[in-house]
Amino acid sequence: MTAATHLTEWDELVADVMARAMFSSGWSRALPPAGVTLLMGTACRLRLVHVDEFSGPLGATDGQDVWRLPCWPVPETFGGDFLADLRENYSPEDAEKALAMNAAIEATHAAEIAVLDGYAAHLGLGPVRTNGDLLELLVTAGALHRDGDLVGPVHPMPQIDDVFPVAAAERAVLADLRALDM
């Protein structure tokens, strides 16, 4: 295994290699969208990124502390008005199917959170709920490095299954992705 380098500046070719590595390494499958933003936003800058530069991309507005904001999006499910319309104008069975879909969406979301929390626990960290928790996880796992208020990529980026105890089914998916060089 090649020793990782904490990059402080890099060119577009290296940025492209890092972007591809984010997908083939498995990080993009395990992280909420904010994690992908952190990794891609860092790789694409071609320089170290000040933590304040993530405020807009991570959704902070009106002086909000971006690192205290939730890193997990609220799952999009069928709302009450839609369900009432299904019941009233279509059929109760359609509404029940939509409710079942809601339950499946929420269960998948909870499972994704549980997996990432398990990865964090493997490194001795607490649950990953905020952007700050997420940055701490990525730094502790060796996917990013931090020097004070500056964040930079690590090259080569570690494979997620080299850092965490990834389930066998997920290892198979990762192997397929790597075979495609995605």
N, C-alpha and C. Protein backbone atom coordinates (compact mmCIF):
# COMPACT_ATOMS: atom_id res chain seq x y z
N MET A 1 0.84 -1.18 0.00
CA MET A 1 0.00 0.00 0.00
C MET A 1 0.89 1.24 0.00
N THR A 2 0.55 2.20 -0.84
CA THR A 2 1.29 3.45 -0.96
C THR A 2 0.98 4.34 0.23
N ALA A 3 2.03 4.98 0.76
CA ALA A 3 1.82 5.90 1.87
C ALA A 3 1.01 7.10 1.38
N ALA A 4 0.07 7.54 2.20
CA ALA A 4 -0.78 8.67 1.85
C ALA A 4 -0.02 9.97 2.06
N THR A 5 -0.31 10.93 1.21
CA THR A 5 0.29 12.25 1.27
C THR A 5 -0.80 13.26 1.58
N HIS A 6 -0.52 14.14 2.52
CA HIS A 6 -1.44 15.25 2.80
C HIS A 6 -1.12 16.35 1.80
N LEU A 7 -2.00 16.53 0.84
CA LEU A 7 -1.76 17.51 -0.21
C LEU A 7 -2.07 18.93 0.28
N THR A 8 -1.27 19.89 -0.17
CA THR A 8 -1.53 21.30 0.13
C THR A 8 -1.85 22.06 -1.15
N GLU A 9 -1.42 21.53 -2.27
CA GLU A 9 -1.82 22.05 -3.58
C GLU A 9 -1.66 20.92 -4.59
N TRP A 10 -2.43 20.97 -5.66
CA TRP A 10 -2.44 19.90 -6.64
C TRP A 10 -3.01 20.46 -7.93
N ASP A 11 -2.87 19.69 -9.00
CA ASP A 11 -3.36 20.16 -10.29
C ASP A 11 -4.67 19.48 -10.65
N GLU A 12 -5.22 19.85 -11.82
CA GLU A 12 -6.52 19.33 -12.24
C GLU A 12 -6.49 17.83 -12.48
N LEU A 13 -5.37 17.31 -12.95
CA LEU A 13 -5.27 15.87 -13.17
C LEU A 13 -5.40 15.12 -11.84
N VAL A 14 -4.72 15.59 -10.81
CA VAL A 14 -4.82 14.96 -9.49
C VAL A 14 -6.24 15.12 -8.95
N ALA A 15 -6.86 16.28 -9.16
CA ALA A 15 -8.24 16.50 -8.72
C ALA A 15 -9.17 15.48 -9.38
N ASP A 16 -8.96 15.21 -10.65
CA ASP A 16 -9.78 14.23 -11.36
C ASP A 16 -9.56 12.83 -10.79
N VAL A 17 -8.32 12.50 -10.52
CA VAL A 17 -8.01 11.20 -9.92
C VAL A 17 -8.68 11.07 -8.56
N MET A 18 -8.65 12.15 -7.76
CA MET A 18 -9.28 12.11 -6.44
C MET A 18 -10.79 11.99 -6.55
N ALA A 19 -11.39 12.67 -7.51
CA ALA A 19 -12.84 12.58 -7.70
C ALA A 19 -13.24 11.15 -8.06
N ARG A 20 -12.50 10.55 -8.95
CA ARG A 20 -12.79 9.16 -9.32
C ARG A 20 -12.59 8.22 -8.13
N ALA A 21 -11.55 8.50 -7.36
CA ALA A 21 -11.25 7.65 -6.20
C ALA A 21 -12.36 7.72 -5.16
N MET A 22 -13.00 8.88 -5.06
CA MET A 22 -14.08 9.00 -4.08
C MET A 22 -15.18 7.98 -4.37
N PHE A 23 -15.43 7.74 -5.65
CA PHE A 23 -16.47 6.77 -6.01
C PHE A 23 -15.95 5.34 -5.91
N SER A 24 -14.78 5.06 -6.48
CA SER A 24 -14.29 3.68 -6.46
C SER A 24 -13.86 3.24 -5.07
N SER A 25 -13.53 4.18 -4.21
CA SER A 25 -13.10 3.82 -2.85
C SER A 25 -14.28 3.46 -1.95
N GLY A 26 -15.49 3.82 -2.37
CA GLY A 26 -16.67 3.48 -1.60
C GLY A 26 -17.20 4.59 -0.71
N TRP A 27 -16.48 5.68 -0.59
CA TRP A 27 -16.90 6.76 0.30
C TRP A 27 -18.25 7.33 -0.12
N SER A 28 -18.46 7.51 -1.40
CA SER A 28 -19.70 8.14 -1.85
C SER A 28 -20.93 7.30 -1.53
N ARG A 29 -20.76 5.99 -1.38
CA ARG A 29 -21.89 5.12 -1.05
C ARG A 29 -22.26 5.19 0.42
N ALA A 30 -21.30 5.50 1.28
CA ALA A 30 -21.54 5.46 2.72
C ALA A 30 -21.88 6.81 3.33
N LEU A 31 -21.64 7.87 2.60
CA LEU A 31 -21.79 9.21 3.17
C LEU A 31 -23.10 9.87 2.77
N PRO A 32 -23.60 10.75 3.64
CA PRO A 32 -24.72 11.60 3.21
C PRO A 32 -24.21 12.59 2.18
N PRO A 33 -25.09 13.27 1.47
CA PRO A 33 -24.64 14.24 0.45
C PRO A 33 -23.63 15.25 0.97
N ALA A 34 -23.73 15.65 2.22
CA ALA A 34 -22.77 16.61 2.78
C ALA A 34 -21.35 16.05 2.77
N GLY A 35 -21.20 14.76 2.96
CA GLY A 35 -19.88 14.13 2.92
C GLY A 35 -19.28 14.16 1.53
N VAL A 36 -20.11 13.89 0.54
CA VAL A 36 -19.65 13.97 -0.84
C VAL A 36 -19.25 15.41 -1.17
N THR A 37 -20.02 16.37 -0.66
CA THR A 37 -19.68 17.79 -0.86
C THR A 37 -18.33 18.11 -0.24
N LEU A 38 -18.07 17.61 0.95
CA LEU A 38 -16.78 17.86 1.59
C LEU A 38 -15.63 17.28 0.77
N LEU A 39 -15.78 16.04 0.33
CA LEU A 39 -14.71 15.40 -0.44
C LEU A 39 -14.51 16.06 -1.80
N MET A 40 -15.60 16.26 -2.53
CA MET A 40 -15.49 16.85 -3.87
C MET A 40 -15.09 18.32 -3.80
N GLY A 41 -15.66 19.04 -2.84
CA GLY A 41 -15.33 20.45 -2.70
C GLY A 41 -13.87 20.67 -2.37
N THR A 42 -13.31 19.75 -1.64
CA THR A 42 -11.89 19.83 -1.31
C THR A 42 -11.04 19.48 -2.53
N ALA A 43 -11.37 18.40 -3.20
CA ALA A 43 -10.57 17.96 -4.35
C ALA A 43 -10.57 18.98 -5.48
N CYS A 44 -11.71 19.62 -5.71
CA CYS A 44 -11.86 20.51 -6.87
C CYS A 44 -11.23 21.89 -6.68
N ARG A 45 -10.86 22.26 -5.49
CA ARG A 45 -10.32 23.61 -5.24
C ARG A 45 -8.87 23.77 -5.67
N LEU A 46 -8.13 22.68 -5.78
CA LEU A 46 -6.72 22.69 -6.17
C LEU A 46 -5.85 23.40 -5.14
N ARG A 47 -6.38 23.54 -3.94
CA ARG A 47 -5.64 24.17 -2.84
C ARG A 47 -6.35 23.78 -1.54
N LEU A 48 -5.71 24.05 -0.43
CA LEU A 48 -6.37 23.82 0.86
C LEU A 48 -7.61 24.70 0.95
N VAL A 49 -8.62 24.22 1.63
CA VAL A 49 -9.89 24.93 1.73
C VAL A 49 -10.10 25.37 3.17
N HIS A 50 -10.41 26.63 3.35
CA HIS A 50 -10.73 27.13 4.69
C HIS A 50 -12.12 26.61 5.05
N VAL A 51 -12.29 26.21 6.30
CA VAL A 51 -13.56 25.62 6.73
C VAL A 51 -14.75 26.53 6.46
N ASP A 52 -14.55 27.84 6.50
CA ASP A 52 -15.65 28.78 6.24
C ASP A 52 -16.16 28.70 4.80
N GLU A 53 -15.32 28.21 3.88
CA GLU A 53 -15.72 28.11 2.48
C GLU A 53 -16.79 27.05 2.25
N PHE A 54 -17.01 26.20 3.22
CA PHE A 54 -18.03 25.16 3.08
C PHE A 54 -19.42 25.64 3.49
N SER A 55 -19.52 26.84 4.05
CA SER A 55 -20.82 27.32 4.55
C SER A 55 -21.90 27.26 3.49
N GLY A 56 -21.69 27.89 2.35
CA GLY A 56 -22.69 27.88 1.28
C GLY A 56 -22.96 26.50 0.74
N PRO A 57 -21.92 25.77 0.32
CA PRO A 57 -22.17 24.43 -0.24
C PRO A 57 -22.86 23.47 0.72
N LEU A 58 -22.69 23.67 2.03
CA LEU A 58 -23.33 22.78 3.00
C LEU A 58 -24.63 23.35 3.55
N GLY A 59 -25.10 24.46 2.97
CA GLY A 59 -26.44 24.94 3.27
C GLY A 59 -26.59 25.93 4.40
N ALA A 60 -25.49 26.50 4.89
CA ALA A 60 -25.62 27.49 5.97
C ALA A 60 -26.12 28.81 5.40
N THR A 61 -27.04 29.43 6.09
CA THR A 61 -27.56 30.73 5.70
C THR A 61 -27.61 31.65 6.91
N ASP A 62 -27.60 32.93 6.65
CA ASP A 62 -27.77 33.94 7.70
C ASP A 62 -26.89 33.71 8.92
N GLY A 63 -25.62 33.45 8.68
CA GLY A 63 -24.68 33.32 9.78
C GLY A 63 -24.77 32.03 10.57
N GLN A 64 -25.49 31.04 10.07
CA GLN A 64 -25.57 29.75 10.77
C GLN A 64 -24.19 29.12 10.86
N ASP A 65 -23.95 28.40 11.92
CA ASP A 65 -22.71 27.65 12.07
C ASP A 65 -22.85 26.36 11.25
N VAL A 66 -22.20 26.33 10.11
CA VAL A 66 -22.34 25.20 9.19
C VAL A 66 -21.99 23.87 9.84
N TRP A 67 -21.09 23.90 10.82
CA TRP A 67 -20.61 22.65 11.43
C TRP A 67 -21.58 22.11 12.47
N ARG A 68 -22.60 22.90 12.84
CA ARG A 68 -23.64 22.41 13.75
C ARG A 68 -24.91 21.99 13.01
N LEU A 69 -24.94 22.23 11.70
CA LEU A 69 -26.11 21.85 10.91
C LEU A 69 -26.15 20.34 10.71
N PRO A 70 -27.35 19.78 10.58
CA PRO A 70 -27.46 18.33 10.33
C PRO A 70 -26.80 17.96 9.00
N CYS A 71 -26.09 16.85 9.01
CA CYS A 71 -25.45 16.38 7.78
C CYS A 71 -26.37 15.45 6.99
N TRP A 72 -27.38 14.94 7.64
CA TRP A 72 -28.30 14.01 6.98
C TRP A 72 -29.53 14.77 6.49
N PRO A 73 -29.88 14.64 5.23
CA PRO A 73 -31.12 15.28 4.75
C PRO A 73 -32.33 14.55 5.32
N VAL A 74 -33.42 15.27 5.42
CA VAL A 74 -34.68 14.65 5.82
C VAL A 74 -35.16 13.83 4.63
N PRO A 75 -35.49 12.57 4.82
CA PRO A 75 -35.93 11.76 3.68
C PRO A 75 -37.22 12.31 3.08
N GLU A 76 -37.28 12.30 1.77
CA GLU A 76 -38.48 12.78 1.07
C GLU A 76 -39.49 11.65 0.98
N THR A 77 -40.63 11.89 1.61
CA THR A 77 -41.71 10.91 1.60
C THR A 77 -42.98 11.57 1.12
N PHE A 78 -43.99 10.77 0.89
CA PHE A 78 -45.29 11.29 0.46
C PHE A 78 -45.97 11.95 1.66
N GLY A 79 -46.34 13.22 1.51
CA GLY A 79 -46.93 13.97 2.61
C GLY A 79 -48.42 13.77 2.75
N GLY A 80 -48.95 14.38 3.79
CA GLY A 80 -50.35 14.24 4.15
C GLY A 80 -51.32 14.65 3.06
N ASP A 81 -51.07 15.79 2.40
CA ASP A 81 -51.98 16.25 1.35
C ASP A 81 -52.01 15.26 0.19
N PHE A 82 -50.84 14.75 -0.18
CA PHE A 82 -50.77 13.78 -1.26
C PHE A 82 -51.52 12.50 -0.89
N LEU A 83 -51.31 12.05 0.33
CA LEU A 83 -51.98 10.83 0.79
C LEU A 83 -53.49 11.03 0.86
N ALA A 84 -53.93 12.20 1.31
CA ALA A 84 -55.37 12.49 1.37
C ALA A 84 -55.96 12.50 -0.04
N ASP A 85 -55.22 13.07 -0.98
CA ASP A 85 -55.68 13.10 -2.36
C ASP A 85 -55.80 11.69 -2.93
N LEU A 86 -54.83 10.84 -2.61
CA LEU A 86 -54.90 9.45 -3.07
C LEU A 86 -56.15 8.77 -2.51
N ARG A 87 -56.39 8.94 -1.23
CA ARG A 87 -57.55 8.31 -0.60
C ARG A 87 -58.87 8.82 -1.20
N GLU A 88 -58.91 10.13 -1.39
CA GLU A 88 -60.16 10.77 -1.83
C GLU A 88 -60.42 10.55 -3.32
N ASN A 89 -59.38 10.69 -4.14
CA ASN A 89 -59.59 10.70 -5.59
C ASN A 89 -59.15 9.42 -6.29
N TYR A 90 -58.49 8.56 -5.59
CA TYR A 90 -58.04 7.32 -6.23
C TYR A 90 -58.57 6.13 -5.43
N SER A 91 -57.74 5.59 -4.55
CA SER A 91 -58.22 4.47 -3.75
C SER A 91 -57.44 4.38 -2.45
N PRO A 92 -58.07 3.81 -1.45
CA PRO A 92 -57.35 3.61 -0.18
C PRO A 92 -56.13 2.71 -0.36
N GLU A 93 -56.22 1.78 -1.32
CA GLU A 93 -55.08 0.88 -1.58
C GLU A 93 -53.87 1.67 -2.08
N ASP A 94 -54.11 2.68 -2.94
CA ASP A 94 -53.00 3.51 -3.42
C ASP A 94 -52.36 4.27 -2.26
N ALA A 95 -53.19 4.78 -1.36
CA ALA A 95 -52.66 5.48 -0.19
C ALA A 95 -51.84 4.53 0.69
N GLU A 96 -52.32 3.31 0.84
CA GLU A 96 -51.58 2.32 1.64
C GLU A 96 -50.25 1.98 1.00
N LYS A 97 -50.22 1.88 -0.33
CA LYS A 97 -48.95 1.63 -1.04
C LYS A 97 -47.98 2.78 -0.80
N ALA A 98 -48.50 4.01 -0.84
CA ALA A 98 -47.65 5.18 -0.60
C ALA A 98 -47.13 5.16 0.83
N LEU A 99 -47.96 4.79 1.79
CA LEU A 99 -47.51 4.69 3.18
C LEU A 99 -46.43 3.62 3.34
N ALA A 100 -46.59 2.51 2.63
CA ALA A 100 -45.58 1.45 2.67
C ALA A 100 -44.27 1.95 2.06
N MET A 101 -44.37 2.73 0.99
CA MET A 101 -43.16 3.32 0.38
C MET A 101 -42.50 4.27 1.37
N ASN A 102 -43.30 5.08 2.07
CA ASN A 102 -42.75 5.98 3.08
C ASN A 102 -41.97 5.19 4.13
N ALA A 103 -42.56 4.11 4.59
CA ALA A 103 -41.91 3.29 5.61
C ALA A 103 -40.59 2.72 5.09
N ALA A 104 -40.57 2.29 3.84
CA ALA A 104 -39.35 1.75 3.26
C ALA A 104 -38.28 2.83 3.12
N ILE A 105 -38.68 4.02 2.70
CA ILE A 105 -37.74 5.14 2.57
C ILE A 105 -37.14 5.48 3.93
N GLU A 106 -37.98 5.57 4.94
CA GLU A 106 -37.50 5.90 6.28
C GLU A 106 -36.61 4.80 6.86
N ALA A 107 -36.93 3.54 6.58
CA ALA A 107 -36.10 2.43 7.06
C ALA A 107 -34.73 2.43 6.39
N THR A 108 -34.71 2.71 5.09
CA THR A 108 -33.43 2.80 4.37
C THR A 108 -32.58 3.93 4.93
N HIS A 109 -33.22 5.07 5.17
CA HIS A 109 -32.50 6.22 5.74
C HIS A 109 -31.92 5.86 7.12
N ALA A 110 -32.71 5.24 7.96
CA ALA A 110 -32.24 4.84 9.29
C ALA A 110 -31.08 3.84 9.19
N ALA A 111 -31.16 2.93 8.24
CA ALA A 111 -30.09 1.94 8.05
C ALA A 111 -28.80 2.61 7.59
N GLU A 112 -28.91 3.59 6.69
CA GLU A 112 -27.72 4.32 6.23
C GLU A 112 -27.04 5.05 7.39
N ILE A 113 -27.85 5.67 8.22
CA ILE A 113 -27.31 6.38 9.39
C ILE A 113 -26.64 5.38 10.33
N ALA A 114 -27.27 4.25 10.55
CA ALA A 114 -26.71 3.23 11.45
C ALA A 114 -25.37 2.71 10.95
N VAL A 115 -25.24 2.51 9.65
CA VAL A 115 -23.98 2.04 9.08
C VAL A 115 -22.88 3.07 9.34
N LEU A 116 -23.15 4.33 9.04
CA LEU A 116 -22.12 5.35 9.24
C LEU A 116 -21.80 5.53 10.72
N ASP A 117 -22.82 5.43 11.58
CA ASP A 117 -22.57 5.48 13.02
C ASP A 117 -21.68 4.32 13.46
N GLY A 118 -21.89 3.15 12.87
CA GLY A 118 -21.04 1.99 13.18
C GLY A 118 -19.60 2.24 12.75
N TYR A 119 -19.43 2.85 11.59
CA TYR A 119 -18.08 3.19 11.13
C TYR A 119 -17.43 4.18 12.10
N ALA A 120 -18.20 5.18 12.53
CA ALA A 120 -17.68 6.18 13.46
C ALA A 120 -17.28 5.50 14.78
N ALA A 121 -18.12 4.61 15.27
CA ALA A 121 -17.82 3.90 16.53
C ALA A 121 -16.54 3.08 16.39
N HIS A 122 -16.32 2.51 15.20
CA HIS A 122 -15.10 1.74 14.95
C HIS A 122 -13.86 2.59 15.18
N LEU A 123 -13.98 3.89 14.93
CA LEU A 123 -12.85 4.82 15.12
C LEU A 123 -12.89 5.50 16.49
N GLY A 124 -13.85 5.10 17.33
CA GLY A 124 -13.96 5.70 18.65
C GLY A 124 -14.70 7.02 18.66
N LEU A 125 -15.45 7.31 17.61
CA LEU A 125 -16.21 8.55 17.51
C LEU A 125 -17.67 8.31 17.86
N GLY A 126 -18.38 9.38 18.16
CA GLY A 126 -19.80 9.30 18.44
C GLY A 126 -20.61 9.28 17.16
N PRO A 127 -21.94 9.28 17.30
CA PRO A 127 -22.82 9.27 16.13
C PRO A 127 -22.57 10.47 15.22
N VAL A 128 -22.78 10.27 13.94
CA VAL A 128 -22.56 11.31 12.93
C VAL A 128 -23.90 11.97 12.64
N ARG A 129 -24.09 13.16 13.20
CA ARG A 129 -25.35 13.88 13.01
C ARG A 129 -25.17 15.25 12.37
N THR A 130 -24.01 15.88 12.60
CA THR A 130 -23.78 17.23 12.09
C THR A 130 -22.67 17.23 11.06
N ASN A 131 -22.57 18.34 10.34
CA ASN A 131 -21.46 18.49 9.39
C ASN A 131 -20.12 18.43 10.11
N GLY A 132 -20.08 18.94 11.34
CA GLY A 132 -18.85 18.85 12.12
C GLY A 132 -18.48 17.42 12.45
N ASP A 133 -19.49 16.61 12.82
CA ASP A 133 -19.25 15.18 13.07
C ASP A 133 -18.71 14.50 11.81
N LEU A 134 -19.29 14.87 10.69
CA LEU A 134 -18.91 14.27 9.42
C LEU A 134 -17.47 14.62 9.04
N LEU A 135 -17.10 15.89 9.21
CA LEU A 135 -15.72 16.30 8.93
C LEU A 135 -14.76 15.55 9.86
N GLU A 136 -15.11 15.44 11.13
CA GLU A 136 -14.26 14.72 12.07
C GLU A 136 -14.08 13.26 11.64
N LEU A 137 -15.16 12.64 11.20
CA LEU A 137 -15.07 11.26 10.73
C LEU A 137 -14.12 11.14 9.54
N LEU A 138 -14.28 12.03 8.55
CA LEU A 138 -13.45 11.96 7.35
C LEU A 138 -11.97 12.20 7.66
N VAL A 139 -11.70 13.09 8.59
CA VAL A 139 -10.31 13.36 8.98
C VAL A 139 -9.75 12.17 9.77
N THR A 140 -10.51 11.68 10.74
CA THR A 140 -10.06 10.55 11.56
C THR A 140 -9.85 9.31 10.71
N ALA A 141 -10.69 9.13 9.70
CA ALA A 141 -10.58 7.96 8.81
C ALA A 141 -9.46 8.10 7.80
N GLY A 142 -8.90 9.29 7.67
CA GLY A 142 -7.79 9.49 6.74
C GLY A 142 -8.20 9.83 5.33
N ALA A 143 -9.47 10.19 5.12
CA ALA A 143 -9.92 10.57 3.77
C ALA A 143 -9.63 12.05 3.50
N LEU A 144 -9.54 12.85 4.55
CA LEU A 144 -9.17 14.27 4.46
C LEU A 144 -8.15 14.53 5.56
N HIS A 145 -7.44 15.64 5.43
CA HIS A 145 -6.58 16.07 6.53
C HIS A 145 -6.95 17.50 6.89
N ARG A 146 -6.69 17.84 8.13
CA ARG A 146 -7.03 19.17 8.61
C ARG A 146 -5.85 19.75 9.37
N ASP A 147 -5.56 21.00 9.07
CA ASP A 147 -4.52 21.74 9.76
C ASP A 147 -5.15 23.04 10.22
N GLY A 148 -5.63 23.06 11.45
CA GLY A 148 -6.35 24.23 11.95
C GLY A 148 -7.65 24.40 11.19
N ASP A 149 -7.79 25.54 10.54
CA ASP A 149 -9.01 25.84 9.77
C ASP A 149 -8.90 25.45 8.31
N LEU A 150 -7.82 24.78 7.92
CA LEU A 150 -7.62 24.39 6.53
C LEU A 150 -7.83 22.89 6.38
N VAL A 151 -8.55 22.53 5.31
CA VAL A 151 -8.86 21.13 5.02
C VAL A 151 -8.29 20.79 3.65
N GLY A 152 -7.70 19.62 3.54
CA GLY A 152 -7.16 19.19 2.26
C GLY A 152 -7.36 17.69 2.06
N PRO A 153 -7.17 17.26 0.84
CA PRO A 153 -7.33 15.83 0.54
C PRO A 153 -6.10 15.02 0.92
N VAL A 154 -6.31 13.74 0.96
CA VAL A 154 -5.24 12.78 1.17
C VAL A 154 -5.14 11.98 -0.12
N HIS A 155 -3.91 11.80 -0.59
CA HIS A 155 -3.72 11.07 -1.84
C HIS A 155 -2.66 10.00 -1.65
N PRO A 156 -2.95 8.76 -1.95
CA PRO A 156 -4.24 8.29 -2.44
C PRO A 156 -5.27 8.20 -1.31
N MET A 157 -6.52 8.37 -1.70
CA MET A 157 -7.61 8.27 -0.74
C MET A 157 -7.75 6.81 -0.31
N PRO A 158 -7.88 6.56 0.97
CA PRO A 158 -8.02 5.16 1.41
C PRO A 158 -9.35 4.56 0.93
N GLN A 159 -9.33 3.29 0.68
CA GLN A 159 -10.56 2.57 0.36
C GLN A 159 -11.37 2.47 1.65
N ILE A 160 -12.67 2.66 1.55
CA ILE A 160 -13.50 2.63 2.75
C ILE A 160 -13.41 1.28 3.46
N ASP A 161 -13.25 0.21 2.68
CA ASP A 161 -13.17 -1.12 3.29
C ASP A 161 -11.79 -1.43 3.85
N ASP A 162 -10.82 -0.54 3.64
CA ASP A 162 -9.54 -0.65 4.33
C ASP A 162 -9.58 0.05 5.68
N VAL A 163 -10.57 0.92 5.87
CA VAL A 163 -10.69 1.70 7.10
C VAL A 163 -11.73 1.12 8.03
N PHE A 164 -12.82 0.63 7.46
CA PHE A 164 -13.96 0.20 8.26
C PHE A 164 -14.31 -1.26 8.01
N PRO A 165 -14.98 -1.90 8.97
CA PRO A 165 -15.45 -3.27 8.78
C PRO A 165 -16.72 -3.27 7.91
N VAL A 166 -16.54 -3.30 6.61
CA VAL A 166 -17.63 -3.22 5.66
C VAL A 166 -18.28 -4.60 5.51
N ALA A 167 -19.61 -4.62 5.47
CA ALA A 167 -20.36 -5.87 5.33
C ALA A 167 -20.02 -6.57 4.01
N ALA A 168 -20.14 -7.88 4.00
CA ALA A 168 -19.79 -8.67 2.83
C ALA A 168 -20.58 -8.25 1.59
N ALA A 169 -21.87 -7.96 1.74
CA ALA A 169 -22.68 -7.55 0.59
C ALA A 169 -22.16 -6.22 0.01
N GLU A 170 -21.77 -5.32 0.89
CA GLU A 170 -21.23 -4.04 0.42
C GLU A 170 -19.87 -4.23 -0.23
N ARG A 171 -19.06 -5.14 0.28
CA ARG A 171 -17.76 -5.44 -0.36
C ARG A 171 -17.96 -5.93 -1.79
N ALA A 172 -18.99 -6.72 -2.00
CA ALA A 172 -19.27 -7.22 -3.36
C ALA A 172 -19.65 -6.07 -4.28
N VAL A 173 -20.47 -5.15 -3.80
CA VAL A 173 -20.85 -3.98 -4.61
C VAL A 173 -19.61 -3.15 -4.92
N LEU A 174 -18.76 -2.94 -3.92
CA LEU A 174 -17.54 -2.16 -4.13
C LEU A 174 -16.63 -2.83 -5.16
N ALA A 175 -16.52 -4.15 -5.10
CA ALA A 175 -15.71 -4.87 -6.09
C ALA A 175 -16.25 -4.65 -7.50
N ASP A 176 -17.57 -4.68 -7.64
CA ASP A 176 -18.17 -4.42 -8.95
C ASP A 176 -17.88 -3.01 -9.43
N LEU A 177 -17.99 -2.04 -8.53
CA LEU A 177 -17.70 -0.65 -8.90
C LEU A 177 -16.25 -0.48 -9.32
N ARG A 178 -15.36 -1.11 -8.58
CA ARG A 178 -13.94 -0.99 -8.91
C ARG A 178 -13.61 -1.67 -10.23
N ALA A 179 -14.32 -2.74 -10.53
CA ALA A 179 -14.11 -3.42 -11.81
C ALA A 179 -14.51 -2.51 -12.97
N LEU A 180 -15.50 -1.65 -12.72
CA LEU A 180 -15.94 -0.68 -13.75
C LEU A 180 -15.08 0.56 -13.75
N ASP A 181 -14.18 0.68 -12.73
CA ASP A 181 -13.36 1.87 -12.54
C ASP A 181 -14.21 3.10 -12.40
N MET A 182 -15.23 3.01 -11.54
CA MET A 182 -16.13 4.14 -11.32
C MET A 182 -15.75 4.87 -10.07
